[in-house]
Amino acid sequence: MTTRTEGRNGPAVSAGAEYAAWAGRFRAALVEGRDDGEGEEKEDRTMTSIDDRAYWTARDAWLAADVEDEAAYAESSERIRHLIDRAENMPSEMRDGAKIEALRRRLAEAEAREEAEYRARFAATWTREETIARRVKWNEIAKTAPRMAGPNWVESKVGYTIDELKAAIALHNL
């Protein structure tokens, strides 16, 4: 699992986050009465029969999610970096400088697109009111921390990082 940092001092984002979102969509299709990837799952110990329509509905949802994930990965900066690495590590007589430069331009575009998407998601999640509430919660828990506890201890209690909090405070000029 790779980890990358978004922005200058932004929080680290796990490469498995996309997989977790996909798994949530797939579980939601399998579990009756749920349409999102959150909440408690109902325990169902019966296997859906291949003759049952629910099996095919879940399978179609899984295939659609898989196609979406593959398309997103094909244009991701991670995939383009991999292609650049492969192109640069070819023997010199097979290396194509124009192709490498074209890939580097695609990489710059993909990184800019991903950065914009990240900033939009971040701004939607960390509204001004949410930032104020989370800052108060952080300060309350930090006051009750053991004497030698650092930010990691508080992060484990609140569920977000100090870098995320700082970025949101800077975003809203608090």
Protein backbone atom coordinates (compact mmCIF):
# COMPACT_ATOMS: atom_id res chain seq x y z
CA MET A 1 0.00 0.00 0.00
CA THR A 2 1.47 3.31 -1.02
CA THR A 3 0.96 6.60 0.70
CA ARG A 4 1.28 10.00 -0.89
CA THR A 5 0.97 13.50 0.44
CA GLU A 6 -1.40 15.94 -1.19
CA GLY A 7 -0.52 19.61 -1.29
CA ARG A 8 2.31 21.25 0.55
CA ASN A 9 1.43 20.29 4.11
CA GLY A 10 -1.69 18.28 3.38
CA PRO A 11 -2.59 14.98 4.98
CA ALA A 12 -1.33 11.65 3.70
CA VAL A 13 -3.86 9.73 1.61
CA SER A 14 -3.81 5.96 1.50
CA ALA A 15 -3.85 4.25 -1.88
CA GLY A 16 -6.27 1.78 -0.33
CA ALA A 17 -8.88 4.48 0.17
CA GLU A 18 -10.26 3.92 -3.32
CA TYR A 19 -10.42 0.18 -2.67
CA ALA A 20 -12.24 0.77 0.62
CA ALA A 21 -14.81 2.89 -1.21
CA TRP A 22 -15.24 0.18 -3.83
CA ALA A 23 -15.58 -2.53 -1.18
CA GLY A 24 -18.25 -0.46 0.57
CA ARG A 25 -20.23 -0.15 -2.67
CA PHE A 26 -19.94 -3.87 -3.30
CA ARG A 27 -20.99 -4.82 0.25
CA ALA A 28 -23.92 -2.42 -0.03
CA ALA A 29 -25.12 -4.23 -3.14
CA LEU A 30 -24.91 -7.56 -1.32
CA VAL A 31 -26.53 -6.52 1.94
CA GLU A 32 -30.25 -5.92 1.80
CA GLY A 33 -31.54 -2.55 2.93
CA ARG A 34 -28.30 -0.62 2.49
CA ASP A 35 -27.39 1.70 -0.33
CA ASP A 36 -24.11 3.10 0.96
CA GLY A 37 -20.88 1.69 2.36
CA GLU A 38 -21.47 2.78 5.95
CA GLY A 39 -23.29 1.54 9.02
CA GLU A 40 -23.66 -1.96 10.34
CA GLU A 41 -24.13 -4.86 8.00
CA LYS A 42 -26.93 -7.32 8.50
CA GLU A 43 -25.64 -10.80 9.07
CA ASP A 44 -26.73 -13.12 6.30
CA ARG A 45 -25.43 -16.66 6.46
CA THR A 46 -27.25 -17.89 3.38
CA MET A 47 -25.41 -17.93 0.11
CA THR A 48 -27.28 -16.30 -2.73
CA SER A 49 -28.12 -18.84 -5.39
CA ILE A 50 -26.96 -18.29 -8.94
CA ASP A 51 -30.64 -18.68 -9.90
CA ASP A 52 -31.62 -15.80 -7.62
CA ARG A 53 -31.92 -12.32 -9.12
CA ALA A 54 -30.08 -10.81 -6.12
CA TYR A 55 -26.94 -12.70 -7.15
CA TRP A 56 -26.97 -11.15 -10.61
CA THR A 57 -27.77 -7.67 -9.28
CA ALA A 58 -24.80 -7.86 -6.91
CA ARG A 59 -22.58 -9.25 -9.66
CA ASP A 60 -23.58 -6.45 -12.04
CA ALA A 61 -22.86 -3.85 -9.35
CA TRP A 62 -19.46 -5.43 -8.71
CA LEU A 63 -18.58 -5.48 -12.42
CA ALA A 64 -19.69 -1.86 -12.89
CA ALA A 65 -17.59 -0.75 -9.91
CA ASP A 66 -14.63 -2.72 -11.26
CA VAL A 67 -14.89 -1.01 -14.66
CA GLU A 68 -15.06 2.42 -12.98
CA ASP A 69 -12.01 1.63 -10.87
CA GLU A 70 -9.99 0.40 -13.87
CA ALA A 71 -10.85 3.52 -15.88
CA ALA A 72 -9.89 5.78 -12.97
CA TYR A 73 -6.59 3.93 -12.47
CA ALA A 74 -5.69 4.18 -16.17
CA GLU A 75 -5.62 7.99 -15.92
CA SER A 76 -4.17 8.18 -12.40
CA SER A 77 -0.81 9.73 -11.65
CA GLU A 78 0.27 6.43 -10.10
CA ARG A 79 -0.23 4.58 -13.40
CA ILE A 80 1.43 7.32 -15.46
CA ARG A 81 4.46 7.29 -13.11
CA HIS A 82 4.69 3.54 -13.69
CA LEU A 83 4.64 4.06 -17.47
CA ILE A 84 7.35 6.75 -17.23
CA ASP A 85 9.48 4.42 -15.12
CA ARG A 86 9.11 1.63 -17.67
CA ALA A 87 9.92 3.96 -20.58
CA GLU A 88 12.99 5.42 -18.85
CA ASN A 89 14.37 2.00 -17.94
CA MET A 90 14.34 0.64 -21.48
CA PRO A 91 17.66 0.09 -23.23
CA SER A 92 18.95 3.33 -24.73
CA GLU A 93 18.43 2.21 -28.33
CA MET A 94 14.71 1.54 -27.59
CA ARG A 95 14.04 4.62 -25.43
CA ASP A 96 11.72 7.21 -26.97
CA GLY A 97 12.34 10.70 -25.54
CA ALA A 98 9.22 12.16 -27.16
CA LYS A 99 7.05 9.49 -25.57
CA ILE A 100 8.62 10.12 -22.17
CA GLU A 101 7.99 13.86 -22.49
CA ALA A 102 4.38 13.23 -23.51
CA LEU A 103 3.96 11.00 -20.45
CA ARG A 104 5.47 13.71 -18.22
CA ARG A 105 2.93 16.21 -19.57
CA ARG A 106 0.13 13.71 -18.89
CA LEU A 107 1.54 13.23 -15.39
CA ALA A 108 1.48 16.98 -14.71
CA GLU A 109 -2.14 17.15 -15.91
CA ALA A 110 -3.15 14.13 -13.81
CA GLU A 111 -1.48 15.53 -10.70
CA ALA A 112 -3.19 18.89 -11.18
CA ARG A 113 -6.55 17.17 -11.66
CA GLU A 114 -6.04 14.96 -8.57
CA GLU A 115 -4.95 17.97 -6.51
CA ALA A 116 -8.08 19.89 -7.54
CA GLU A 117 -10.29 16.90 -6.72
CA TYR A 118 -8.61 16.50 -3.34
CA ARG A 119 -9.00 20.17 -2.49
CA ALA A 120 -12.69 20.06 -3.47
CA ARG A 121 -13.30 16.97 -1.28
CA PHE A 122 -11.34 18.54 1.56
CA ALA A 123 -13.29 21.81 1.40
CA ALA A 124 -16.59 19.90 1.28
CA THR A 125 -15.65 17.81 4.31
CA TRP A 126 -14.01 20.54 6.37
CA THR A 127 -16.59 23.31 6.31
CA ARG A 128 -16.03 26.34 8.53
CA GLU A 129 -18.48 25.06 11.17
CA GLU A 130 -16.99 21.56 11.07
CA THR A 131 -13.47 22.96 11.44
CA ILE A 132 -14.46 25.04 14.46
CA ALA A 133 -16.15 22.03 16.10
CA ARG A 134 -13.19 19.75 15.38
CA ARG A 135 -10.73 22.35 16.69
CA VAL A 136 -12.68 22.58 19.97
CA LYS A 137 -12.76 18.77 20.22
CA TRP A 138 -9.01 18.57 19.51
CA ASN A 139 -8.23 21.12 22.22
CA GLU A 140 -10.46 19.38 24.78
CA ILE A 141 -8.84 16.00 24.18
CA ALA A 142 -5.34 17.51 24.07
CA LYS A 143 -5.93 18.99 27.56
CA THR A 144 -6.77 15.54 28.94
CA ALA A 145 -3.77 13.85 27.25
CA PRO A 146 -1.16 12.11 29.37
CA ARG A 147 1.89 14.23 30.16
CA MET A 148 4.19 12.83 27.46
CA ALA A 149 1.53 12.21 24.80
CA GLY A 150 2.06 13.93 21.46
CA PRO A 151 -0.18 14.70 18.51
CA ASN A 152 -0.36 11.03 17.51
CA TRP A 153 -2.18 10.21 20.74
CA VAL A 154 -4.76 12.91 20.12
CA GLU A 155 -5.09 11.88 16.44
CA SER A 156 -5.94 8.34 17.51
CA LYS A 157 -8.72 9.69 19.75
CA VAL A 158 -10.32 12.20 17.35
CA GLY A 159 -9.96 10.40 14.01
CA TYR A 160 -8.20 13.12 12.00
CA THR A 161 -4.64 14.40 11.86
CA ILE A 162 -3.07 17.61 13.06
CA ASP A 163 -2.07 18.33 9.45
CA GLU A 164 -5.71 18.10 8.34
CA LEU A 165 -6.77 20.39 11.15
CA LYS A 166 -4.03 22.91 10.35
CA ALA A 167 -4.94 22.87 6.64
CA ALA A 168 -8.63 23.48 7.45
CA ILE A 169 -7.76 26.31 9.85
CA ALA A 170 -5.63 27.91 7.13
CA LEU A 171 -8.38 27.34 4.53
CA HIS A 172 -10.93 29.24 6.63
CA ASN A 173 -8.48 31.78 8.12
CA LEU A 174 -9.32 30.81 11.70
